[in-house]
All heavy atoms as atom14 arrays in JSON, in Angstrom:
{
  "sequence": "SWNAQRNVVVIPKSVTPSRIKENFQIVELSQEDFDKVNGITFRQR",
  "atom14_mask": [
    [1, 1, 1, 1, 1, 1, 0, 0, 0, 0, 0, 0, 0, 0],
    [1, 1, 1, 1, 1, 1, 1, 1, 1, 1, 1, 1, 1, 1],
    [1, 1, 1, 1, 1, 1, 1, 1, 0, 0, 0, 0, 0, 0],
    [1, 1, 1, 1, 1, 0, 0, 0, 0, 0, 0, 0, 0, 0],
    [1, 1, 1, 1, 1, 1, 1, 1, 1, 0, 0, 0, 0, 0],
    [1, 1, 1, 1, 1, 1, 1, 1, 1, 1, 1, 0, 0, 0],
    [1, 1, 1, 1, 1, 1, 1, 1, 0, 0, 0, 0, 0, 0],
    [1, 1, 1, 1, 1, 1, 1, 0, 0, 0, 0, 0, 0, 0],
    [1, 1, 1, 1, 1, 1, 1, 0, 0, 0, 0, 0, 0, 0],
    [1, 1, 1, 1, 1, 1, 1, 0, 0, 0, 0, 0, 0, 0],
    [1, 1, 1, 1, 1, 1, 1, 1, 0, 0, 0, 0, 0, 0],
    [1, 1, 1, 1, 1, 1, 1, 0, 0, 0, 0, 0, 0, 0],
    [1, 1, 1, 1, 1, 1, 1, 1, 1, 0, 0, 0, 0, 0],
    [1, 1, 1, 1, 1, 1, 0, 0, 0, 0, 0, 0, 0, 0],
    [1, 1, 1, 1, 1, 1, 1, 0, 0, 0, 0, 0, 0, 0],
    [1, 1, 1, 1, 1, 1, 1, 0, 0, 0, 0, 0, 0, 0],
    [1, 1, 1, 1, 1, 1, 1, 0, 0, 0, 0, 0, 0, 0],
    [1, 1, 1, 1, 1, 1, 0, 0, 0, 0, 0, 0, 0, 0],
    [1, 1, 1, 1, 1, 1, 1, 1, 1, 1, 1, 0, 0, 0],
    [1, 1, 1, 1, 1, 1, 1, 1, 0, 0, 0, 0, 0, 0],
    [1, 1, 1, 1, 1, 1, 1, 1, 1, 0, 0, 0, 0, 0],
    [1, 1, 1, 1, 1, 1, 1, 1, 1, 0, 0, 0, 0, 0],
    [1, 1, 1, 1, 1, 1, 1, 1, 0, 0, 0, 0, 0, 0],
    [1, 1, 1, 1, 1, 1, 1, 1, 1, 1, 1, 0, 0, 0],
    [1, 1, 1, 1, 1, 1, 1, 1, 1, 0, 0, 0, 0, 0],
    [1, 1, 1, 1, 1, 1, 1, 1, 0, 0, 0, 0, 0, 0],
    [1, 1, 1, 1, 1, 1, 1, 0, 0, 0, 0, 0, 0, 0],
    [1, 1, 1, 1, 1, 1, 1, 1, 1, 0, 0, 0, 0, 0],
    [1, 1, 1, 1, 1, 1, 1, 1, 0, 0, 0, 0, 0, 0],
    [1, 1, 1, 1, 1, 1, 0, 0, 0, 0, 0, 0, 0, 0],
    [1, 1, 1, 1, 1, 1, 1, 1, 1, 0, 0, 0, 0, 0],
    [1, 1, 1, 1, 1, 1, 1, 1, 1, 0, 0, 0, 0, 0],
    [1, 1, 1, 1, 1, 1, 1, 1, 0, 0, 0, 0, 0, 0],
    [1, 1, 1, 1, 1, 1, 1, 1, 1, 1, 1, 0, 0, 0],
    [1, 1, 1, 1, 1, 1, 1, 1, 0, 0, 0, 0, 0, 0],
    [1, 1, 1, 1, 1, 1, 1, 1, 1, 0, 0, 0, 0, 0],
    [1, 1, 1, 1, 1, 1, 1, 0, 0, 0, 0, 0, 0, 0],
    [1, 1, 1, 1, 1, 1, 1, 1, 0, 0, 0, 0, 0, 0],
    [1, 1, 1, 1, 0, 0, 0, 0, 0, 0, 0, 0, 0, 0],
    [1, 1, 1, 1, 1, 1, 1, 1, 0, 0, 0, 0, 0, 0],
    [1, 1, 1, 1, 1, 1, 1, 0, 0, 0, 0, 0, 0, 0],
    [1, 1, 1, 1, 1, 1, 1, 1, 1, 1, 1, 0, 0, 0],
    [1, 1, 1, 1, 1, 1, 1, 1, 1, 1, 1, 0, 0, 0],
    [1, 1, 1, 1, 1, 1, 1, 1, 1, 0, 0, 0, 0, 0],
    [1, 1, 1, 1, 1, 1, 1, 1, 1, 1, 1, 0, 0, 0]
  ],
  "atom14_positions": [
    [[15.34, 4.58, 5.53], [16.52, 5.08, 4.81], [17.22, 6.16, 5.61], [18.46, 6.21, 5.69], [16.1, 5.64, 3.44], [15.53, 4.64, 2.63], [0.0, 0.0, 0.0], [0.0, 0.0, 0.0], [0.0, 0.0, 0.0], [0.0, 0.0, 0.0], [0.0, 0.0, 0.0], [0.0, 0.0, 0.0], [0.0, 0.0, 0.0], [0.0, 0.0, 0.0]],
    [[16.45, 7.04, 6.23], [17.01, 8.13, 7.06], [17.85, 7.56, 8.2], [18.98, 7.98, 8.43], [15.88, 9.01, 7.58], [16.25, 9.84, 8.77], [16.95, 11.01, 8.77], [15.94, 9.56, 10.14], [17.1, 11.47, 10.05], [16.49, 10.6, 10.92], [15.25, 8.53, 10.79], [16.37, 10.64, 12.31], [15.13, 8.56, 12.17], [15.69, 9.61, 12.91]],
    [[17.31, 6.58, 8.92], [18.06, 6.04, 10.05], [19.29, 5.27, 9.58], [20.36, 5.38, 10.17], [17.16, 5.13, 10.9], [17.1, 5.58, 12.35], [17.99, 6.29, 12.83], [16.06, 5.18, 13.06], [0.0, 0.0, 0.0], [0.0, 0.0, 0.0], [0.0, 0.0, 0.0], [0.0, 0.0, 0.0], [0.0, 0.0, 0.0], [0.0, 0.0, 0.0]],
    [[19.15, 4.49, 8.5], [20.31, 3.77, 7.97], [21.4, 4.74, 7.54], [22.59, 4.47, 7.69], [19.88, 2.89, 6.81], [0.0, 0.0, 0.0], [0.0, 0.0, 0.0], [0.0, 0.0, 0.0], [0.0, 0.0, 0.0], [0.0, 0.0, 0.0], [0.0, 0.0, 0.0], [0.0, 0.0, 0.0], [0.0, 0.0, 0.0], [0.0, 0.0, 0.0]],
    [[20.99, 5.9, 7.05], [21.96, 6.92, 6.62], [22.7, 7.52, 7.82], [23.78, 8.08, 7.66], [21.24, 8.01, 5.82], [22.1, 8.64, 4.75], [21.24, 9.26, 3.65], [20.24, 8.68, 3.24], [21.64, 10.43, 3.18], [0.0, 0.0, 0.0], [0.0, 0.0, 0.0], [0.0, 0.0, 0.0], [0.0, 0.0, 0.0], [0.0, 0.0, 0.0]],
    [[22.1, 7.4, 9.0], [22.78, 7.83, 10.24], [23.67, 6.73, 10.78], [24.21, 6.85, 11.89], [21.74, 8.18, 11.31], [20.74, 9.24, 10.95], [19.58, 9.23, 11.96], [19.94, 9.79, 13.25], [19.41, 9.42, 14.41], [18.52, 8.45, 14.46], [19.78, 10.0, 15.53], [0.0, 0.0, 0.0], [0.0, 0.0, 0.0], [0.0, 0.0, 0.0]],
    [[23.8, 5.63, 10.03], [24.52, 4.43, 10.49], [23.86, 3.82, 11.72], [24.54, 3.29, 12.61], [26.0, 4.72, 10.74], [26.77, 4.87, 9.45], [26.54, 4.13, 8.5], [27.65, 5.85, 9.4], [0.0, 0.0, 0.0], [0.0, 0.0, 0.0], [0.0, 0.0, 0.0], [0.0, 0.0, 0.0], [0.0, 0.0, 0.0], [0.0, 0.0, 0.0]],
    [[22.54, 3.9, 11.76], [21.74, 3.24, 12.8], [21.07, 2.02, 12.16], [20.41, 2.14, 11.12], [20.69, 4.2, 13.39], [19.71, 3.45, 14.29], [21.37, 5.33, 14.15], [0.0, 0.0, 0.0], [0.0, 0.0, 0.0], [0.0, 0.0, 0.0], [0.0, 0.0, 0.0], [0.0, 0.0, 0.0], [0.0, 0.0, 0.0], [0.0, 0.0, 0.0]],
    [[21.26, 0.86, 12.76], [20.67, -0.38, 12.26], [19.15, -0.32, 12.48], [18.69, 0.17, 13.51], [21.26, -1.59, 13.01], [20.6, -2.89, 12.54], [22.77, -1.65, 12.81], [0.0, 0.0, 0.0], [0.0, 0.0, 0.0], [0.0, 0.0, 0.0], [0.0, 0.0, 0.0], [0.0, 0.0, 0.0], [0.0, 0.0, 0.0], [0.0, 0.0, 0.0]],
    [[18.4, -0.8, 11.52], [16.93, -0.79, 11.63], [16.39, -2.22, 11.54], [16.88, -3.04, 10.76], [16.28, 0.09, 10.54], [16.55, 1.55, 10.81], [16.78, -0.29, 9.13], [0.0, 0.0, 0.0], [0.0, 0.0, 0.0], [0.0, 0.0, 0.0], [0.0, 0.0, 0.0], [0.0, 0.0, 0.0], [0.0, 0.0, 0.0], [0.0, 0.0, 0.0]],
    [[15.38, -2.51, 12.36], [14.81, -3.88, 12.4], [13.28, -3.8, 12.33], [12.59, -4.17, 13.28], [15.28, -4.65, 13.64], [15.14, -3.79, 14.92], [16.71, -5.12, 13.48], [15.34, -4.57, 16.21], [0.0, 0.0, 0.0], [0.0, 0.0, 0.0], [0.0, 0.0, 0.0], [0.0, 0.0, 0.0], [0.0, 0.0, 0.0], [0.0, 0.0, 0.0]],
    [[12.74, -3.31, 11.21], [11.28, -3.23, 11.09], [10.64, -4.6, 11.19], [11.14, -5.58, 10.64], [11.07, -2.61, 9.7], [12.31, -2.99, 8.94], [13.41, -2.94, 9.95], [0.0, 0.0, 0.0], [0.0, 0.0, 0.0], [0.0, 0.0, 0.0], [0.0, 0.0, 0.0], [0.0, 0.0, 0.0], [0.0, 0.0, 0.0], [0.0, 0.0, 0.0]],
    [[9.53, -4.66, 11.91], [8.8, -5.92, 12.1], [7.6, -5.97, 11.15], [6.86, -5.0, 11.0], [8.33, -6.02, 13.56], [7.39, -7.2, 13.83], [5.93, -6.76, 13.88], [5.01, -7.96, 14.02], [3.59, -7.58, 13.98], [0.0, 0.0, 0.0], [0.0, 0.0, 0.0], [0.0, 0.0, 0.0], [0.0, 0.0, 0.0], [0.0, 0.0, 0.0]],
    [[7.43, -7.1, 10.51], [6.22, -7.33, 9.73], [6.09, -8.83, 9.48], [7.09, -9.55, 9.46], [6.26, -6.6, 8.39], [5.05, -6.83, 7.67], [0.0, 0.0, 0.0], [0.0, 0.0, 0.0], [0.0, 0.0, 0.0], [0.0, 0.0, 0.0], [0.0, 0.0, 0.0], [0.0, 0.0, 0.0], [0.0, 0.0, 0.0], [0.0, 0.0, 0.0]],
    [[4.86, -9.3, 9.3], [4.63, -10.68, 8.86], [3.94, -10.68, 7.5], [3.57, -11.73, 6.98], [3.78, -11.48, 9.89], [4.54, -11.64, 11.2], [2.43, -10.83, 10.12], [0.0, 0.0, 0.0], [0.0, 0.0, 0.0], [0.0, 0.0, 0.0], [0.0, 0.0, 0.0], [0.0, 0.0, 0.0], [0.0, 0.0, 0.0], [0.0, 0.0, 0.0]],
    [[3.78, -9.49, 6.91], [3.12, -9.34, 5.61], [4.18, -9.31, 4.51], [5.04, -8.42, 4.51], [2.31, -8.03, 5.57], [1.4, -8.02, 6.68], [1.55, -7.91, 4.27], [0.0, 0.0, 0.0], [0.0, 0.0, 0.0], [0.0, 0.0, 0.0], [0.0, 0.0, 0.0], [0.0, 0.0, 0.0], [0.0, 0.0, 0.0], [0.0, 0.0, 0.0]],
    [[4.15, -10.26, 3.57], [5.22, -10.33, 2.56], [5.47, -9.03, 1.81], [6.63, -8.65, 1.6], [4.71, -11.43, 1.61], [3.92, -12.34, 2.5], [3.23, -11.41, 3.48], [0.0, 0.0, 0.0], [0.0, 0.0, 0.0], [0.0, 0.0, 0.0], [0.0, 0.0, 0.0], [0.0, 0.0, 0.0], [0.0, 0.0, 0.0], [0.0, 0.0, 0.0]],
    [[4.41, -8.32, 1.43], [4.61, -7.08, 0.67], [5.31, -6.01, 1.51], [6.14, -5.24, 1.01], [3.27, -6.54, 0.17], [2.39, -6.27, 1.25], [0.0, 0.0, 0.0], [0.0, 0.0, 0.0], [0.0, 0.0, 0.0], [0.0, 0.0, 0.0], [0.0, 0.0, 0.0], [0.0, 0.0, 0.0], [0.0, 0.0, 0.0], [0.0, 0.0, 0.0]],
    [[4.99, -5.97, 2.81], [5.64, -5.0, 3.7], [7.1, -5.39, 3.97], [7.97, -4.53, 4.07], [4.87, -4.91, 5.01], [3.49, -4.29, 4.87], [3.6, -2.76, 4.76], [2.31, -2.16, 4.49], [1.39, -1.9, 5.43], [1.63, -2.22, 6.68], [0.25, -1.31, 5.09], [0.0, 0.0, 0.0], [0.0, 0.0, 0.0], [0.0, 0.0, 0.0]],
    [[7.33, -6.69, 4.12], [8.7, -7.17, 4.34], [9.56, -6.76, 3.15], [10.7, -6.3, 3.31], [8.71, -8.7, 4.55], [7.98, -9.06, 5.86], [10.14, -9.23, 4.58], [7.75, -10.55, 6.05], [0.0, 0.0, 0.0], [0.0, 0.0, 0.0], [0.0, 0.0, 0.0], [0.0, 0.0, 0.0], [0.0, 0.0, 0.0], [0.0, 0.0, 0.0]],
    [[9.02, -6.91, 1.94], [9.74, -6.51, 0.73], [9.93, -5.0, 0.67], [11.03, -4.5, 0.39], [8.98, -6.99, -0.5], [9.66, -6.66, -1.82], [8.87, -7.2, -3.01], [9.56, -6.88, -4.32], [8.79, -7.41, -5.48], [0.0, 0.0, 0.0], [0.0, 0.0, 0.0], [0.0, 0.0, 0.0], [0.0, 0.0, 0.0], [0.0, 0.0, 0.0]],
    [[8.88, -4.26, 0.95], [8.93, -2.79, 0.92], [9.99, -2.26, 1.88], [10.79, -1.38, 1.53], [7.56, -2.22, 1.3], [7.52, -0.72, 1.5], [6.21, -0.26, 2.13], [5.18, -0.96, 1.98], [6.21, 0.8, 2.8], [0.0, 0.0, 0.0], [0.0, 0.0, 0.0], [0.0, 0.0, 0.0], [0.0, 0.0, 0.0], [0.0, 0.0, 0.0]],
    [[10.02, -2.81, 3.09], [10.94, -2.32, 4.12], [12.39, -2.57, 3.76], [13.29, -1.88, 4.26], [10.62, -2.96, 5.47], [9.29, -2.51, 6.04], [8.74, -1.5, 5.64], [8.75, -3.29, 6.97], [0.0, 0.0, 0.0], [0.0, 0.0, 0.0], [0.0, 0.0, 0.0], [0.0, 0.0, 0.0], [0.0, 0.0, 0.0], [0.0, 0.0, 0.0]],
    [[12.63, -3.57, 2.91], [14.01, -3.92, 2.55], [14.57, -2.99, 1.47], [15.78, -2.95, 1.25], [14.03, -5.38, 2.06], [15.4, -6.0, 2.04], [16.23, -5.97, 3.14], [15.86, -6.65, 0.9], [17.49, -6.56, 3.13], [17.11, -7.25, 0.87], [17.93, -7.2, 1.98], [0.0, 0.0, 0.0], [0.0, 0.0, 0.0], [0.0, 0.0, 0.0]],
    [[13.69, -2.24, 0.82], [14.1, -1.4, -0.31], [14.39, 0.03, 0.17], [13.65, 0.97, -0.11], [13.02, -1.42, -1.38], [12.83, -2.82, -1.98], [11.59, -2.94, -2.85], [10.65, -2.17, -2.72], [11.59, -3.9, -3.75], [0.0, 0.0, 0.0], [0.0, 0.0, 0.0], [0.0, 0.0, 0.0], [0.0, 0.0, 0.0], [0.0, 0.0, 0.0]],
    [[15.52, 0.17, 0.86], [15.92, 1.49, 1.34], [16.95, 2.09, 0.39], [17.6, 1.38, -0.37], [16.45, 1.43, 2.79], [17.61, 0.44, 2.91], [15.34, 1.04, 3.75], [18.24, 0.4, 4.29], [0.0, 0.0, 0.0], [0.0, 0.0, 0.0], [0.0, 0.0, 0.0], [0.0, 0.0, 0.0], [0.0, 0.0, 0.0], [0.0, 0.0, 0.0]],
    [[17.07, 3.4, 0.45], [17.9, 4.12, -0.52], [18.74, 5.17, 0.2], [18.59, 5.41, 1.4], [17.02, 4.83, -1.58], [16.15, 3.82, -2.32], [16.17, 5.92, -0.94], [0.0, 0.0, 0.0], [0.0, 0.0, 0.0], [0.0, 0.0, 0.0], [0.0, 0.0, 0.0], [0.0, 0.0, 0.0], [0.0, 0.0, 0.0], [0.0, 0.0, 0.0]],
    [[19.63, 5.81, -0.56], [20.4, 6.94, -0.06], [19.6, 8.21, -0.37], [19.32, 8.51, -1.53], [21.76, 7.0, -0.75], [22.67, 8.09, -0.24], [23.57, 7.63, 0.9], [23.63, 6.42, 1.16], [24.18, 8.5, 1.52], [0.0, 0.0, 0.0], [0.0, 0.0, 0.0], [0.0, 0.0, 0.0], [0.0, 0.0, 0.0], [0.0, 0.0, 0.0]],
    [[19.21, 8.93, 0.67], [18.48, 10.19, 0.49], [19.45, 11.31, 0.12], [20.63, 11.28, 0.51], [17.73, 10.56, 1.77], [16.66, 9.58, 2.27], [16.14, 10.04, 3.63], [15.52, 9.46, 1.27], [0.0, 0.0, 0.0], [0.0, 0.0, 0.0], [0.0, 0.0, 0.0], [0.0, 0.0, 0.0], [0.0, 0.0, 0.0], [0.0, 0.0, 0.0]],
    [[18.96, 12.31, -0.59], [19.78, 13.5, -0.82], [20.04, 14.18, 0.52], [19.29, 14.0, 1.49], [19.08, 14.46, -1.77], [17.95, 15.05, -1.13], [0.0, 0.0, 0.0], [0.0, 0.0, 0.0], [0.0, 0.0, 0.0], [0.0, 0.0, 0.0], [0.0, 0.0, 0.0], [0.0, 0.0, 0.0], [0.0, 0.0, 0.0], [0.0, 0.0, 0.0]],
    [[21.09, 14.97, 0.58], [21.4, 15.67, 1.83], [20.24, 16.57, 2.24], [19.9, 16.67, 3.42], [22.68, 16.5, 1.68], [23.2, 17.06, 3.0], [23.58, 15.98, 4.0], [24.29, 15.04, 3.65], [23.11, 16.1, 5.24], [0.0, 0.0, 0.0], [0.0, 0.0, 0.0], [0.0, 0.0, 0.0], [0.0, 0.0, 0.0], [0.0, 0.0, 0.0]],
    [[19.6, 17.19, 1.26], [18.46, 18.07, 1.54], [17.31, 17.28, 2.19], [16.75, 17.73, 3.2], [17.96, 18.72, 0.24], [16.74, 19.61, 0.43], [16.16, 20.11, -0.89], [16.67, 19.7, -1.96], [15.19, 20.9, -0.84], [0.0, 0.0, 0.0], [0.0, 0.0, 0.0], [0.0, 0.0, 0.0], [0.0, 0.0, 0.0], [0.0, 0.0, 0.0]],
    [[17.0, 16.13, 1.63], [15.89, 15.34, 2.17], [16.25, 14.73, 3.52], [15.42, 14.67, 4.43], [15.48, 14.25, 1.18], [14.82, 14.82, -0.07], [14.28, 15.94, 0.02], [14.84, 14.15, -1.12], [0.0, 0.0, 0.0], [0.0, 0.0, 0.0], [0.0, 0.0, 0.0], [0.0, 0.0, 0.0], [0.0, 0.0, 0.0], [0.0, 0.0, 0.0]],
    [[17.51, 14.29, 3.64], [17.96, 13.76, 4.93], [17.84, 14.84, 6.01], [17.35, 14.58, 7.12], [19.42, 13.29, 4.81], [20.02, 12.85, 6.11], [19.8, 11.57, 6.61], [20.8, 13.72, 6.86], [20.35, 11.16, 7.82], [21.36, 13.33, 8.07], [21.14, 12.04, 8.55], [0.0, 0.0, 0.0], [0.0, 0.0, 0.0], [0.0, 0.0, 0.0]],
    [[18.27, 16.05, 5.69], [18.22, 17.14, 6.67], [16.78, 17.5, 7.04], [16.51, 17.89, 8.18], [18.94, 18.38, 6.12], [20.45, 18.19, 6.05], [20.96, 17.27, 6.71], [21.11, 18.97, 5.34], [0.0, 0.0, 0.0], [0.0, 0.0, 0.0], [0.0, 0.0, 0.0], [0.0, 0.0, 0.0], [0.0, 0.0, 0.0], [0.0, 0.0, 0.0]],
    [[15.87, 17.38, 6.08], [14.46, 17.66, 6.38], [13.93, 16.69, 7.43], [13.27, 17.1, 8.39], [13.61, 17.54, 5.1], [13.68, 18.76, 4.18], [12.75, 18.56, 2.99], [12.8, 19.77, 2.05], [11.92, 19.56, 0.87], [0.0, 0.0, 0.0], [0.0, 0.0, 0.0], [0.0, 0.0, 0.0], [0.0, 0.0, 0.0], [0.0, 0.0, 0.0]],
    [[14.21, 15.42, 7.24], [13.75, 14.42, 8.21], [14.47, 14.63, 9.55], [13.86, 14.58, 10.62], [13.98, 12.99, 7.69], [13.53, 11.97, 8.72], [13.23, 12.77, 6.37], [0.0, 0.0, 0.0], [0.0, 0.0, 0.0], [0.0, 0.0, 0.0], [0.0, 0.0, 0.0], [0.0, 0.0, 0.0], [0.0, 0.0, 0.0], [0.0, 0.0, 0.0]],
    [[15.75, 14.89, 9.47], [16.55, 15.09, 10.67], [16.08, 16.32, 11.45], [16.29, 16.41, 12.67], [18.02, 15.27, 10.29], [18.95, 14.48, 11.17], [18.61, 13.41, 11.64], [20.14, 15.02, 11.41], [0.0, 0.0, 0.0], [0.0, 0.0, 0.0], [0.0, 0.0, 0.0], [0.0, 0.0, 0.0], [0.0, 0.0, 0.0], [0.0, 0.0, 0.0]],
    [[15.45, 17.25, 10.75], [15.03, 18.5, 11.38], [13.65, 18.46, 12.03], [13.2, 19.46, 12.6], [0.0, 0.0, 0.0], [0.0, 0.0, 0.0], [0.0, 0.0, 0.0], [0.0, 0.0, 0.0], [0.0, 0.0, 0.0], [0.0, 0.0, 0.0], [0.0, 0.0, 0.0], [0.0, 0.0, 0.0], [0.0, 0.0, 0.0], [0.0, 0.0, 0.0]],
    [[12.96, 17.33, 11.94], [11.67, 17.2, 12.61], [11.86, 17.41, 14.11], [12.76, 16.83, 14.72], [11.04, 15.81, 12.32], [10.65, 15.71, 10.84], [9.83, 15.56, 13.22], [10.19, 14.32, 10.42], [0.0, 0.0, 0.0], [0.0, 0.0, 0.0], [0.0, 0.0, 0.0], [0.0, 0.0, 0.0], [0.0, 0.0, 0.0], [0.0, 0.0, 0.0]],
    [[11.02, 18.24, 14.7], [11.22, 18.61, 16.12], [10.21, 17.98, 17.07], [10.41, 18.02, 18.29], [11.17, 20.14, 16.29], [9.91, 20.62, 15.79], [12.31, 20.81, 15.54], [0.0, 0.0, 0.0], [0.0, 0.0, 0.0], [0.0, 0.0, 0.0], [0.0, 0.0, 0.0], [0.0, 0.0, 0.0], [0.0, 0.0, 0.0], [0.0, 0.0, 0.0]],
    [[9.13, 17.4, 16.55], [8.16, 16.75, 17.43], [8.81, 15.55, 18.09], [9.55, 14.79, 17.46], [6.94, 16.31, 16.63], [5.87, 15.64, 17.47], [5.01, 16.4, 18.25], [5.75, 14.25, 17.51], [4.04, 15.78, 19.04], [4.79, 13.63, 18.29], [3.93, 14.41, 19.06], [0.0, 0.0, 0.0], [0.0, 0.0, 0.0], [0.0, 0.0, 0.0]],
    [[8.58, 15.37, 19.39], [9.2, 14.28, 20.13], [8.16, 13.47, 20.89], [7.25, 14.02, 21.52], [10.22, 14.83, 21.14], [11.43, 15.51, 20.49], [12.33, 14.48, 19.83], [13.47, 15.09, 19.17], [13.54, 15.37, 17.88], [12.51, 15.09, 17.08], [14.62, 15.9, 17.37], [0.0, 0.0, 0.0], [0.0, 0.0, 0.0], [0.0, 0.0, 0.0]],
    [[8.31, 12.16, 20.83], [7.43, 11.28, 21.58], [8.11, 9.92, 21.77], [8.6, 9.32, 20.82], [6.1, 11.07, 20.86], [5.07, 10.32, 21.68], [3.74, 10.26, 20.96], [3.43, 9.27, 20.32], [2.96, 11.3, 21.04], [0.0, 0.0, 0.0], [0.0, 0.0, 0.0], [0.0, 0.0, 0.0], [0.0, 0.0, 0.0], [0.0, 0.0, 0.0]],
    [[8.16, 9.48, 23.02], [8.65, 8.14, 23.34], [7.44, 7.24, 23.57], [6.57, 7.55, 24.37], [9.52, 8.17, 24.59], [10.15, 6.81, 24.91], [10.89, 6.85, 26.25], [11.98, 7.8, 26.27], [13.18, 7.61, 25.73], [13.44, 6.48, 25.11], [14.11, 8.53, 25.79], [0.0, 0.0, 0.0], [0.0, 0.0, 0.0], [0.0, 0.0, 0.0]]
  ]
}
C-alpha cells in the first residue's frame, strides 16, 4: 500500500492462493502512517 501510494507499481510474486489474495488487498494509508513507513532509514539492496 505504501509503494502504491507513491504511485509506484508493485508486482509481488506468490504461487500460494491465500497470499495472492492478501497481496491484492491494498488500501490508502493515512498520511501519518504513510510518513512513518516513508521515514524508515535502514537501507539494504
